[in-house]
Amino acid sequence: MTVKAHPMTTEAFKEEVLTLAKIVDVTPKEIHVQSMKHKWASCSSKGRLTFDKTLLDQPEKVRTKIILHELLHLKYPNHGKMFKSLLATYLTALGKSTDSGGVQSISQFGK
């Protein structure tokens, strides 16, 4: 019999975002967790990060990829070469990389 772990709390998730933000050297203005129908997360031009609440049920590796992706948008609002390079570098440094760039693999998780 497999016992399912309890989902992460919103507060713990926000702490995870802030911890990764320090590593990336960015400061989100706001962090929100809510239902999102078509994507895992978004980043506004004013520094507001919004994450889908089902992300709280995902494995740490998935959460880290998505959080880093959004945090890097605070520095680079597009998916250009610098963005992809930095994302891959951070994922590799944190031991979360499983592919050559990280950006494309986020979509494999279902949103």
Protein backbone atom coordinates (compact mmCIF):
# COMPACT_ATOMS: atom_id res chain seq x y z
CA MET A 1 0.00 0.00 0.00
CA THR A 2 1.38 3.41 -1.01
CA VAL A 3 0.76 6.34 1.27
CA LYS A 4 0.50 9.68 -0.52
CA ALA A 5 2.42 12.52 1.11
CA HIS A 6 0.50 15.58 2.20
CA PRO A 7 0.78 18.51 -0.20
CA MET A 8 3.13 21.32 0.67
CA THR A 9 1.51 24.28 2.45
CA THR A 10 1.22 27.61 0.65
CA GLU A 11 3.48 29.20 3.26
CA ALA A 12 6.18 26.56 2.78
CA PHE A 13 5.94 26.97 -0.99
CA LYS A 14 6.38 30.73 -0.73
CA GLU A 15 9.45 30.16 1.46
CA GLU A 16 10.81 27.84 -1.23
CA VAL A 17 10.27 30.61 -3.81
CA LEU A 18 12.05 33.16 -1.60
CA THR A 19 14.97 30.80 -0.96
CA LEU A 20 15.46 30.28 -4.69
CA ALA A 21 15.01 34.03 -5.29
CA LYS A 22 18.03 34.69 -3.06
CA ILE A 23 20.10 32.24 -5.12
CA VAL A 24 19.04 33.97 -8.36
CA ASP A 25 19.49 37.41 -6.74
CA VAL A 26 15.98 38.69 -7.45
CA THR A 27 13.19 39.95 -5.21
CA PRO A 28 9.63 39.22 -6.26
CA LYS A 29 7.22 42.01 -5.30
CA GLU A 30 4.38 39.56 -4.64
CA ILE A 31 3.96 35.77 -4.62
CA HIS A 32 0.48 34.33 -5.15
CA VAL A 33 -0.80 30.77 -5.26
CA GLN A 34 -4.16 30.21 -6.95
CA SER A 35 -5.96 28.04 -9.49
CA MET A 36 -4.66 28.47 -13.02
CA LYS A 37 -6.32 26.58 -15.86
CA HIS A 38 -3.68 26.51 -18.58
CA LYS A 39 -0.25 27.05 -17.09
CA TRP A 40 1.84 26.37 -14.03
CA ALA A 41 2.86 29.95 -13.36
CA SER A 42 3.19 33.50 -14.62
CA CYS A 43 5.35 36.54 -13.98
CA SER A 44 4.07 40.08 -14.43
CA SER A 45 6.20 43.01 -15.57
CA LYS A 46 5.67 44.53 -12.10
CA GLY A 47 7.33 41.57 -10.36
CA ARG A 48 4.26 39.61 -9.30
CA LEU A 49 4.69 35.83 -9.45
CA THR A 50 1.57 33.67 -9.60
CA PHE A 51 1.74 29.88 -9.27
CA ASP A 52 -0.93 27.25 -9.80
CA LYS A 53 -1.98 25.65 -6.52
CA THR A 54 -1.58 22.13 -7.94
CA LEU A 55 2.16 22.83 -8.05
CA LEU A 56 2.12 22.23 -4.28
CA ASP A 57 1.47 18.53 -5.01
CA GLN A 58 4.37 18.18 -7.46
CA PRO A 59 7.79 16.71 -6.70
CA GLU A 60 10.54 19.12 -5.63
CA LYS A 61 12.35 18.78 -8.97
CA VAL A 62 9.26 19.96 -10.88
CA ARG A 63 8.59 22.82 -8.45
CA THR A 64 12.21 23.99 -8.64
CA LYS A 65 12.22 24.07 -12.46
CA ILE A 66 9.01 26.07 -12.59
CA ILE A 67 9.97 28.45 -9.78
CA LEU A 68 13.39 29.14 -11.30
CA HIS A 69 11.80 29.69 -14.70
CA GLU A 70 9.53 32.40 -13.29
CA LEU A 71 12.22 33.98 -11.10
CA LEU A 72 14.52 34.34 -14.10
CA HIS A 73 11.75 36.22 -15.90
CA LEU A 74 12.28 38.98 -13.33
CA LYS A 75 15.69 39.49 -14.99
CA TYR A 76 14.93 38.32 -18.52
CA PRO A 77 11.30 38.69 -19.69
CA ASN A 78 11.80 36.47 -22.76
CA HIS A 79 13.07 32.97 -23.52
CA GLY A 80 16.21 34.12 -25.30
CA LYS A 81 19.66 32.55 -25.22
CA MET A 82 20.67 34.23 -21.95
CA PHE A 83 17.47 33.11 -20.21
CA LYS A 84 17.89 29.49 -21.37
CA SER A 85 21.58 29.48 -20.48
CA LEU A 86 20.97 30.79 -16.97
CA LEU A 87 18.08 28.41 -16.36
CA ALA A 88 20.21 25.45 -17.41
CA THR A 89 23.10 26.67 -15.23
CA TYR A 90 20.94 27.07 -12.11
CA LEU A 91 19.21 23.72 -12.64
CA THR A 92 22.54 21.98 -13.06
CA ALA A 93 24.03 23.70 -10.01
CA LEU A 94 21.03 22.67 -7.92
CA GLY A 95 21.12 19.11 -9.28
CA LYS A 96 17.67 19.43 -10.91
CA SER A 97 18.58 19.29 -14.59
CA THR A 98 17.58 16.29 -16.68
CA ASP A 99 17.84 17.82 -20.14
CA SER A 100 19.90 20.25 -22.19
CA GLY A 101 17.93 23.40 -21.47
CA GLY A 102 15.17 22.92 -18.96
CA VAL A 103 12.71 25.28 -20.61
CA GLN A 104 11.05 22.81 -22.94
CA SER A 105 10.81 20.07 -20.31
CA ILE A 106 8.45 22.03 -18.07
CA SER A 107 5.58 21.39 -20.46
CA GLN A 108 5.97 17.64 -20.00
CA PHE A 109 4.44 17.94 -16.53
CA GLY A 110 0.93 18.47 -17.78
CA LYS A 111 -0.08 22.14 -17.83
